[in-house]
Amino acid sequence: MQVVKSAAGIQKLYYSIGEIAEMVGEETHVLRFWETEFAQLRPRRDRAGRRIYTLEDLAVVQRIWHLVKVDKYTLEGAKQVLARAGEGHDRAALHKELRRLRAFLQNIERQLGVNSRSGT
């Protein structure tokens, strides 16, 4: 993911819809429409109700833009691609968490001096 910095060279945490639209070369109404079509794109809102995008939101917008404009997917096709990618990400996160849990349990086993292979 690209790091976006302001004119002062400081990385921003949040971006307006106008800034995001300018970064990807789309109109703001297109981004608002994509929010209704893609479950992965749900920018938060500030107290005034304005959309505030994070870098993760920007990555989703860039991915949608690439699928639709470069790879020539329909919106429905792009939804399916993103859904499949999300499933894989969830499985990878689950696998990582299970490995972490296994290492934790093995560490406890070593600390207790339990030898699981001998059954004691």
N, C-alpha and C. Protein backbone atom coordinates (compact mmCIF):
# COMPACT_ATOMS: atom_id res chain seq x y z
N MET A 1 0.84 -1.16 0.00
CA MET A 1 0.00 0.00 0.00
C MET A 1 0.89 1.24 0.00
N GLN A 2 0.48 2.22 -0.77
CA GLN A 2 1.27 3.43 -0.84
C GLN A 2 1.07 4.29 0.39
N VAL A 3 2.11 5.00 0.78
CA VAL A 3 2.01 5.92 1.89
C VAL A 3 1.75 7.30 1.30
N VAL A 4 0.71 7.94 1.78
CA VAL A 4 0.33 9.24 1.28
C VAL A 4 0.74 10.29 2.30
N LYS A 5 1.45 11.30 1.84
CA LYS A 5 1.90 12.35 2.74
C LYS A 5 1.32 13.68 2.29
N SER A 6 1.10 14.54 3.25
CA SER A 6 0.59 15.87 2.95
C SER A 6 1.71 16.72 2.36
N ALA A 7 1.37 17.96 1.99
CA ALA A 7 2.37 18.87 1.42
C ALA A 7 3.50 19.11 2.41
N ALA A 8 3.22 19.04 3.69
CA ALA A 8 4.25 19.25 4.71
C ALA A 8 5.07 17.99 4.95
N GLY A 9 4.75 16.90 4.26
CA GLY A 9 5.49 15.66 4.41
C GLY A 9 5.01 14.79 5.56
N ILE A 10 3.87 15.13 6.14
CA ILE A 10 3.33 14.38 7.26
C ILE A 10 2.25 13.43 6.75
N GLN A 11 2.33 12.18 7.17
CA GLN A 11 1.32 11.20 6.76
C GLN A 11 0.02 11.48 7.49
N LYS A 12 -1.05 11.58 6.72
CA LYS A 12 -2.36 11.83 7.31
C LYS A 12 -3.01 10.51 7.72
N LEU A 13 -3.87 10.58 8.74
CA LEU A 13 -4.61 9.40 9.17
C LEU A 13 -5.94 9.29 8.45
N TYR A 14 -6.53 10.43 8.11
CA TYR A 14 -7.85 10.45 7.49
C TYR A 14 -7.86 11.37 6.29
N TYR A 15 -8.70 11.01 5.31
CA TYR A 15 -8.81 11.77 4.08
C TYR A 15 -10.28 12.02 3.78
N SER A 16 -10.55 13.13 3.14
CA SER A 16 -11.92 13.44 2.74
C SER A 16 -12.24 12.66 1.46
N ILE A 17 -13.53 12.60 1.13
CA ILE A 17 -13.93 11.91 -0.08
C ILE A 17 -13.35 12.61 -1.31
N GLY A 18 -13.23 13.93 -1.25
CA GLY A 18 -12.64 14.68 -2.36
C GLY A 18 -11.18 14.33 -2.58
N GLU A 19 -10.44 14.18 -1.49
CA GLU A 19 -9.03 13.81 -1.60
C GLU A 19 -8.88 12.40 -2.19
N ILE A 20 -9.71 11.48 -1.73
CA ILE A 20 -9.65 10.11 -2.23
C ILE A 20 -10.03 10.08 -3.71
N ALA A 21 -11.08 10.83 -4.07
CA ALA A 21 -11.52 10.87 -5.46
C ALA A 21 -10.41 11.40 -6.36
N GLU A 22 -9.71 12.41 -5.89
CA GLU A 22 -8.60 12.98 -6.67
C GLU A 22 -7.46 11.97 -6.82
N MET A 23 -7.17 11.23 -5.74
CA MET A 23 -6.08 10.25 -5.78
C MET A 23 -6.33 9.15 -6.80
N VAL A 24 -7.59 8.71 -6.93
CA VAL A 24 -7.88 7.60 -7.85
C VAL A 24 -8.43 8.07 -9.19
N GLY A 25 -8.67 9.38 -9.32
CA GLY A 25 -9.14 9.90 -10.59
C GLY A 25 -10.60 9.62 -10.89
N GLU A 26 -11.43 9.62 -9.86
CA GLU A 26 -12.87 9.41 -10.02
C GLU A 26 -13.62 10.58 -9.41
N GLU A 27 -14.87 10.70 -9.75
CA GLU A 27 -15.73 11.71 -9.15
C GLU A 27 -16.23 11.21 -7.79
N THR A 28 -16.58 12.13 -6.93
CA THR A 28 -17.04 11.75 -5.58
C THR A 28 -18.33 10.95 -5.63
N HIS A 29 -19.20 11.24 -6.61
CA HIS A 29 -20.46 10.48 -6.67
C HIS A 29 -20.21 9.01 -6.99
N VAL A 30 -19.13 8.73 -7.71
CA VAL A 30 -18.78 7.33 -8.02
C VAL A 30 -18.38 6.62 -6.73
N LEU A 31 -17.59 7.28 -5.90
CA LEU A 31 -17.17 6.66 -4.63
C LEU A 31 -18.36 6.44 -3.71
N ARG A 32 -19.29 7.40 -3.68
CA ARG A 32 -20.49 7.21 -2.87
C ARG A 32 -21.31 6.03 -3.38
N PHE A 33 -21.38 5.87 -4.69
CA PHE A 33 -22.09 4.73 -5.26
C PHE A 33 -21.39 3.43 -4.90
N TRP A 34 -20.07 3.40 -5.01
CA TRP A 34 -19.32 2.19 -4.66
C TRP A 34 -19.57 1.79 -3.21
N GLU A 35 -19.74 2.76 -2.33
CA GLU A 35 -20.04 2.44 -0.93
C GLU A 35 -21.33 1.63 -0.81
N THR A 36 -22.30 1.91 -1.69
CA THR A 36 -23.56 1.17 -1.63
C THR A 36 -23.43 -0.21 -2.24
N GLU A 37 -22.45 -0.40 -3.11
CA GLU A 37 -22.29 -1.66 -3.83
C GLU A 37 -21.30 -2.63 -3.19
N PHE A 38 -20.31 -2.12 -2.49
CA PHE A 38 -19.23 -2.96 -1.95
C PHE A 38 -19.23 -2.92 -0.43
N ALA A 39 -19.46 -4.06 0.18
CA ALA A 39 -19.49 -4.15 1.65
C ALA A 39 -18.13 -3.82 2.26
N GLN A 40 -17.06 -4.01 1.51
CA GLN A 40 -15.71 -3.77 2.01
C GLN A 40 -15.41 -2.28 2.14
N LEU A 41 -16.20 -1.43 1.51
CA LEU A 41 -15.96 0.00 1.52
C LEU A 41 -16.98 0.69 2.41
N ARG A 42 -16.59 0.93 3.65
CA ARG A 42 -17.46 1.59 4.61
C ARG A 42 -16.66 2.62 5.39
N PRO A 43 -16.40 3.79 4.79
CA PRO A 43 -15.63 4.80 5.52
C PRO A 43 -16.42 5.31 6.72
N ARG A 44 -15.69 5.67 7.77
CA ARG A 44 -16.33 6.23 8.95
C ARG A 44 -16.80 7.64 8.63
N ARG A 45 -17.54 8.21 9.55
CA ARG A 45 -18.00 9.58 9.39
C ARG A 45 -17.58 10.39 10.62
N ASP A 46 -17.28 11.66 10.38
CA ASP A 46 -16.93 12.52 11.50
C ASP A 46 -18.21 13.05 12.16
N ARG A 47 -18.06 13.90 13.14
CA ARG A 47 -19.22 14.41 13.88
C ARG A 47 -20.19 15.18 13.00
N ALA A 48 -19.66 15.78 11.95
CA ALA A 48 -20.50 16.56 11.03
C ALA A 48 -21.16 15.67 9.97
N GLY A 49 -20.84 14.37 9.99
CA GLY A 49 -21.43 13.44 9.03
C GLY A 49 -20.65 13.28 7.75
N ARG A 50 -19.48 13.93 7.67
CA ARG A 50 -18.64 13.80 6.47
C ARG A 50 -17.87 12.49 6.50
N ARG A 51 -17.70 11.91 5.33
CA ARG A 51 -16.95 10.66 5.24
C ARG A 51 -15.48 10.94 5.53
N ILE A 52 -14.88 10.04 6.32
CA ILE A 52 -13.44 10.12 6.54
C ILE A 52 -12.84 8.76 6.18
N TYR A 53 -11.95 8.78 5.22
CA TYR A 53 -11.33 7.57 4.69
C TYR A 53 -9.98 7.35 5.35
N THR A 54 -9.67 6.10 5.64
CA THR A 54 -8.36 5.71 6.15
C THR A 54 -7.53 5.18 4.98
N LEU A 55 -6.27 4.85 5.26
CA LEU A 55 -5.43 4.24 4.22
C LEU A 55 -6.00 2.90 3.78
N GLU A 56 -6.62 2.17 4.71
CA GLU A 56 -7.24 0.89 4.35
C GLU A 56 -8.41 1.12 3.39
N ASP A 57 -9.20 2.17 3.64
CA ASP A 57 -10.29 2.51 2.73
C ASP A 57 -9.74 2.88 1.36
N LEU A 58 -8.64 3.65 1.36
CA LEU A 58 -8.01 4.02 0.09
C LEU A 58 -7.57 2.78 -0.68
N ALA A 59 -7.01 1.80 0.02
CA ALA A 59 -6.58 0.56 -0.63
C ALA A 59 -7.77 -0.16 -1.26
N VAL A 60 -8.90 -0.18 -0.58
CA VAL A 60 -10.10 -0.82 -1.13
C VAL A 60 -10.58 -0.06 -2.36
N VAL A 61 -10.60 1.26 -2.29
CA VAL A 61 -11.03 2.06 -3.45
C VAL A 61 -10.10 1.81 -4.63
N GLN A 62 -8.79 1.79 -4.37
CA GLN A 62 -7.83 1.54 -5.45
C GLN A 62 -8.03 0.15 -6.05
N ARG A 63 -8.30 -0.83 -5.20
CA ARG A 63 -8.54 -2.20 -5.70
C ARG A 63 -9.80 -2.25 -6.56
N ILE A 64 -10.88 -1.61 -6.10
CA ILE A 64 -12.11 -1.57 -6.89
C ILE A 64 -11.86 -0.87 -8.21
N TRP A 65 -11.18 0.28 -8.16
CA TRP A 65 -10.90 1.04 -9.37
C TRP A 65 -10.12 0.18 -10.37
N HIS A 66 -9.10 -0.52 -9.88
CA HIS A 66 -8.28 -1.35 -10.76
C HIS A 66 -9.11 -2.47 -11.37
N LEU A 67 -9.93 -3.13 -10.57
CA LEU A 67 -10.76 -4.22 -11.09
C LEU A 67 -11.73 -3.71 -12.16
N VAL A 68 -12.34 -2.56 -11.93
CA VAL A 68 -13.36 -2.04 -12.84
C VAL A 68 -12.74 -1.37 -14.07
N LYS A 69 -11.73 -0.54 -13.87
CA LYS A 69 -11.19 0.26 -14.97
C LYS A 69 -10.08 -0.44 -15.76
N VAL A 70 -9.22 -1.16 -15.08
CA VAL A 70 -8.08 -1.79 -15.75
C VAL A 70 -8.40 -3.22 -16.17
N ASP A 71 -8.90 -4.01 -15.22
CA ASP A 71 -9.21 -5.41 -15.51
C ASP A 71 -10.56 -5.59 -16.21
N LYS A 72 -11.34 -4.50 -16.29
CA LYS A 72 -12.62 -4.47 -17.01
C LYS A 72 -13.68 -5.41 -16.43
N TYR A 73 -13.67 -5.57 -15.10
CA TYR A 73 -14.73 -6.34 -14.45
C TYR A 73 -16.00 -5.50 -14.39
N THR A 74 -17.14 -6.17 -14.41
CA THR A 74 -18.38 -5.48 -14.08
C THR A 74 -18.38 -5.27 -12.57
N LEU A 75 -19.29 -4.46 -12.07
CA LEU A 75 -19.35 -4.27 -10.62
C LEU A 75 -19.64 -5.58 -9.91
N GLU A 76 -20.52 -6.38 -10.49
CA GLU A 76 -20.83 -7.68 -9.88
C GLU A 76 -19.60 -8.59 -9.86
N GLY A 77 -18.84 -8.59 -10.95
CA GLY A 77 -17.62 -9.38 -11.01
C GLY A 77 -16.59 -8.90 -10.00
N ALA A 78 -16.46 -7.58 -9.87
CA ALA A 78 -15.52 -7.01 -8.90
C ALA A 78 -15.92 -7.39 -7.48
N LYS A 79 -17.23 -7.39 -7.20
CA LYS A 79 -17.72 -7.81 -5.88
C LYS A 79 -17.29 -9.24 -5.57
N GLN A 80 -17.44 -10.11 -6.57
CA GLN A 80 -17.07 -11.51 -6.38
C GLN A 80 -15.58 -11.67 -6.13
N VAL A 81 -14.76 -10.92 -6.86
CA VAL A 81 -13.31 -10.99 -6.67
C VAL A 81 -12.94 -10.54 -5.26
N LEU A 82 -13.52 -9.42 -4.83
CA LEU A 82 -13.23 -8.92 -3.49
C LEU A 82 -13.73 -9.87 -2.41
N ALA A 83 -14.88 -10.49 -2.63
CA ALA A 83 -15.42 -11.44 -1.66
C ALA A 83 -14.49 -12.65 -1.54
N ARG A 84 -14.01 -13.16 -2.67
CA ARG A 84 -13.08 -14.30 -2.63
C ARG A 84 -11.78 -13.91 -1.94
N ALA A 85 -11.28 -12.72 -2.21
CA ALA A 85 -10.04 -12.26 -1.58
C ALA A 85 -10.25 -12.13 -0.08
N GLY A 86 -11.42 -11.66 0.35
CA GLY A 86 -11.73 -11.52 1.77
C GLY A 86 -11.78 -12.85 2.47
N GLU A 87 -12.35 -13.86 1.79
CA GLU A 87 -12.41 -15.20 2.38
C GLU A 87 -11.02 -15.75 2.59
N GLY A 88 -10.14 -15.56 1.62
CA GLY A 88 -8.77 -16.04 1.74
C GLY A 88 -8.04 -15.33 2.86
N HIS A 89 -8.30 -14.03 3.00
CA HIS A 89 -7.67 -13.26 4.07
C HIS A 89 -8.14 -13.76 5.42
N ASP A 90 -9.43 -14.06 5.55
CA ASP A 90 -9.97 -14.56 6.81
C ASP A 90 -9.36 -15.91 7.15
N ARG A 91 -9.21 -16.77 6.16
CA ARG A 91 -8.60 -18.08 6.41
C ARG A 91 -7.15 -17.93 6.82
N ALA A 92 -6.45 -17.02 6.17
CA ALA A 92 -5.04 -16.80 6.52
C ALA A 92 -4.92 -16.25 7.94
N ALA A 93 -5.81 -15.33 8.30
CA ALA A 93 -5.78 -14.77 9.65
C ALA A 93 -6.11 -15.85 10.67
N LEU A 94 -7.08 -16.71 10.36
CA LEU A 94 -7.43 -17.80 11.26
C LEU A 94 -6.26 -18.76 11.42
N HIS A 95 -5.61 -19.10 10.32
CA HIS A 95 -4.46 -20.01 10.37
C HIS A 95 -3.34 -19.42 11.21
N LYS A 96 -3.09 -18.12 11.04
CA LYS A 96 -2.05 -17.45 11.82
C LYS A 96 -2.40 -17.47 13.30
N GLU A 97 -3.65 -17.21 13.63
CA GLU A 97 -4.09 -17.22 15.03
C GLU A 97 -3.97 -18.62 15.63
N LEU A 98 -4.30 -19.64 14.86
CA LEU A 98 -4.17 -21.01 15.35
C LEU A 98 -2.71 -21.38 15.60
N ARG A 99 -1.81 -20.94 14.71
CA ARG A 99 -0.37 -21.20 14.93
C ARG A 99 0.11 -20.49 16.20
N ARG A 100 -0.36 -19.25 16.41
CA ARG A 100 0.01 -18.51 17.60
C ARG A 100 -0.50 -19.21 18.87
N LEU A 101 -1.73 -19.70 18.82
CA LEU A 101 -2.31 -20.41 19.95
C LEU A 101 -1.55 -21.70 20.22
N ARG A 102 -1.17 -22.42 19.17
CA ARG A 102 -0.42 -23.66 19.34
C ARG A 102 0.92 -23.39 20.00
N ALA A 103 1.62 -22.34 19.55
CA ALA A 103 2.91 -21.99 20.15
C ALA A 103 2.73 -21.62 21.61
N PHE A 104 1.67 -20.90 21.93
CA PHE A 104 1.38 -20.53 23.31
C PHE A 104 1.17 -21.77 24.17
N LEU A 105 0.37 -22.71 23.68
CA LEU A 105 0.10 -23.93 24.44
C LEU A 105 1.36 -24.78 24.60
N GLN A 106 2.19 -24.84 23.55
CA GLN A 106 3.43 -25.59 23.65
C GLN A 106 4.36 -24.96 24.68
N ASN A 107 4.36 -23.64 24.75
CA ASN A 107 5.18 -22.94 25.73
C ASN A 107 4.70 -23.27 27.15
N ILE A 108 3.40 -23.27 27.35
CA ILE A 108 2.86 -23.65 28.67
C ILE A 108 3.24 -25.08 28.99
N GLU A 109 3.14 -25.95 28.01
CA GLU A 109 3.49 -27.35 28.21
C GLU A 109 4.95 -27.48 28.66
N ARG A 110 5.85 -26.73 28.01
CA ARG A 110 7.27 -26.78 28.39
C ARG A 110 7.47 -26.25 29.80
N GLN A 111 6.78 -25.17 30.14
CA GLN A 111 6.92 -24.58 31.47
C GLN A 111 6.43 -25.53 32.57
N LEU A 112 5.40 -26.29 32.27
CA LEU A 112 4.87 -27.23 33.25
C LEU A 112 5.66 -28.53 33.29
N GLY A 113 6.53 -28.72 32.30
CA GLY A 113 7.32 -29.93 32.26
C GLY A 113 6.53 -31.15 31.84
N VAL A 114 5.46 -30.94 31.12
CA VAL A 114 4.61 -32.04 30.67
C VAL A 114 5.15 -32.54 29.33
N ASN A 115 5.30 -33.84 29.27
CA ASN A 115 5.74 -34.45 28.02
C ASN A 115 4.52 -35.07 27.37
N SER A 116 3.97 -34.42 26.38
CA SER A 116 2.73 -34.90 25.76
C SER A 116 2.93 -36.19 25.00
N ARG A 117 4.11 -36.48 24.55
CA ARG A 117 4.34 -37.70 23.76
C ARG A 117 4.36 -38.96 24.63
N SER A 118 4.74 -38.80 25.89
CA SER A 118 4.80 -39.98 26.76
C SER A 118 3.50 -40.20 27.52
N GLY A 119 2.56 -39.20 27.42
CA GLY A 119 1.28 -39.38 28.07
C GLY A 119 1.27 -39.05 29.53
N THR A 120 2.30 -38.36 30.04
CA THR A 120 2.33 -37.98 31.45
C THR A 120 1.93 -36.57 31.65
